[in-house]
Amino acid sequence: MAVLAAGSSQRFGTQDKLAASFRGRPLGEHVCKAIPADAFSSRWVITAKAGHPCEPVWLSAGFDMAINASAREGMGTSVALAARLALEAECKALLIALADMPLVPVAHF
């Protein structure tokens, strides 16, 4: 399971979109809180750099951080990193979610 959180949020302006408040919590926290902890043996948040404001919640939800040093080159680099991590972990499948989609229901995962 990989949550993509390495985007530059260019259309959002100068603020970090994932750190913006949505329903009383940072937007980037919602997806990781919705994903059942025991549903996936390996779980990563793909981010552009360490120290994101949502990182403590991501870690407490059982996700490992994976830094995408090539994030500026586009989302495909985050997908490729997630695929490499899944192969290294010998996962049988990979589910990718986007960190900026807070209304995805738990049943979807």
Protein backbone atom coordinates (compact mmCIF):
# COMPACT_ATOMS: atom_id res chain seq x y z
CA MET A 1 0.00 0.00 0.00
CA ALA A 2 1.45 3.36 -0.97
CA VAL A 3 0.01 6.80 -0.33
CA LEU A 4 1.35 9.40 -2.74
CA ALA A 5 2.12 12.67 -0.92
CA ALA A 6 5.05 14.10 -2.90
CA GLY A 7 3.18 16.54 -5.14
CA SER A 8 4.07 20.20 -5.33
CA SER A 9 0.45 21.44 -4.98
CA GLN A 10 1.08 24.14 -7.60
CA ARG A 11 -2.62 24.83 -8.15
CA PHE A 12 -3.12 25.29 -4.38
CA GLY A 13 -0.87 28.34 -4.19
CA THR A 14 2.03 28.85 -1.82
CA GLN A 15 0.64 26.76 1.04
CA ASP A 16 1.22 23.05 1.55
CA LYS A 17 -2.10 21.53 0.50
CA LEU A 18 -1.70 18.45 2.69
CA ALA A 19 -1.09 20.63 5.76
CA ALA A 20 -4.24 22.70 5.12
CA SER A 21 -7.11 22.06 7.51
CA PHE A 22 -10.01 19.93 6.31
CA ARG A 23 -12.74 18.99 8.79
CA GLY A 24 -10.53 19.92 11.72
CA ARG A 25 -7.41 17.98 10.68
CA PRO A 26 -4.69 18.42 8.08
CA LEU A 27 -5.87 17.16 4.70
CA GLY A 28 -2.95 14.73 4.42
CA GLU A 29 -3.93 12.84 7.57
CA HIS A 30 -7.36 11.65 6.43
CA VAL A 31 -6.40 8.89 3.98
CA CYS A 32 -3.80 7.29 6.26
CA LYS A 33 -6.28 7.27 9.14
CA ALA A 34 -8.94 5.64 6.92
CA ILE A 35 -6.79 2.73 5.75
CA PRO A 36 -7.18 -0.27 8.07
CA ALA A 37 -3.81 -0.92 9.74
CA ASP A 38 -4.01 -4.68 9.39
CA ALA A 39 -5.16 -4.72 5.75
CA PHE A 40 -1.68 -4.35 4.24
CA SER A 41 1.59 -5.93 5.33
CA SER A 42 3.68 -3.09 3.89
CA ARG A 43 2.62 0.56 3.96
CA TRP A 44 4.48 3.63 2.73
CA VAL A 45 3.85 7.32 2.34
CA ILE A 46 5.82 8.59 -0.65
CA THR A 47 6.85 12.16 0.11
CA ALA A 48 9.23 14.68 -1.42
CA LYS A 49 11.17 15.34 1.79
CA ALA A 50 11.38 14.33 5.42
CA GLY A 51 9.70 16.36 8.11
CA HIS A 52 6.29 16.98 6.55
CA PRO A 53 3.78 18.32 9.12
CA CYS A 54 1.64 15.17 8.65
CA GLU A 55 4.57 12.79 9.18
CA PRO A 56 3.91 12.10 12.91
CA VAL A 57 0.36 10.97 12.11
CA TRP A 58 1.52 8.92 9.13
CA LEU A 59 4.09 7.15 11.30
CA SER A 60 1.62 6.57 14.14
CA ALA A 61 -0.81 5.05 11.61
CA GLY A 62 1.85 2.46 10.75
CA PHE A 63 3.28 3.89 7.56
CA ASP A 64 6.96 4.05 6.69
CA MET A 65 8.24 7.20 5.01
CA ALA A 66 9.81 6.89 1.57
CA ILE A 67 11.51 9.98 0.18
CA ASN A 68 11.15 10.55 -3.56
CA ALA A 69 14.18 12.68 -4.48
CA SER A 70 12.81 12.93 -8.04
CA ALA A 71 9.35 14.19 -7.06
CA ARG A 72 9.72 17.38 -9.13
CA GLU A 73 9.77 15.18 -12.24
CA GLY A 74 6.13 14.17 -11.73
CA MET A 75 3.82 11.65 -10.14
CA GLY A 76 5.22 8.82 -12.23
CA THR A 77 8.41 8.92 -10.18
CA SER A 78 6.39 8.36 -7.00
CA VAL A 79 4.52 5.46 -8.61
CA ALA A 80 7.84 3.96 -9.72
CA LEU A 81 9.27 4.30 -6.20
CA ALA A 82 6.17 2.63 -4.74
CA ALA A 83 6.52 -0.22 -7.25
CA ARG A 84 10.22 -0.69 -6.37
CA LEU A 85 9.39 -0.76 -2.65
CA ALA A 86 6.62 -3.31 -3.23
CA LEU A 87 8.96 -5.53 -5.27
CA GLU A 88 11.66 -5.32 -2.60
CA ALA A 89 9.10 -6.23 0.08
CA GLU A 90 7.88 -9.11 -2.12
CA CYS A 91 4.32 -7.81 -2.08
CA LYS A 92 1.85 -9.72 -4.23
CA ALA A 93 0.04 -6.52 -5.19
CA LEU A 94 0.26 -2.77 -4.75
CA LEU A 95 -2.60 -0.41 -3.97
CA ILE A 96 -1.88 3.26 -4.55
CA ALA A 97 -3.90 6.00 -2.86
CA LEU A 98 -3.56 9.76 -3.09
CA ALA A 99 -3.00 11.75 0.08
CA ASP A 100 -5.23 14.60 -1.10
CA MET A 101 -8.42 12.53 -1.38
CA PRO A 102 -9.89 12.61 2.14
CA LEU A 103 -13.39 11.40 1.29
CA VAL A 104 -12.48 7.92 0.05
CA PRO A 105 -14.50 5.54 2.25
CA VAL A 106 -12.81 2.87 4.35
CA ALA A 107 -14.64 0.15 2.41
CA HIS A 108 -12.85 1.24 -0.75
CA PHE A 109 -9.50 0.17 0.71
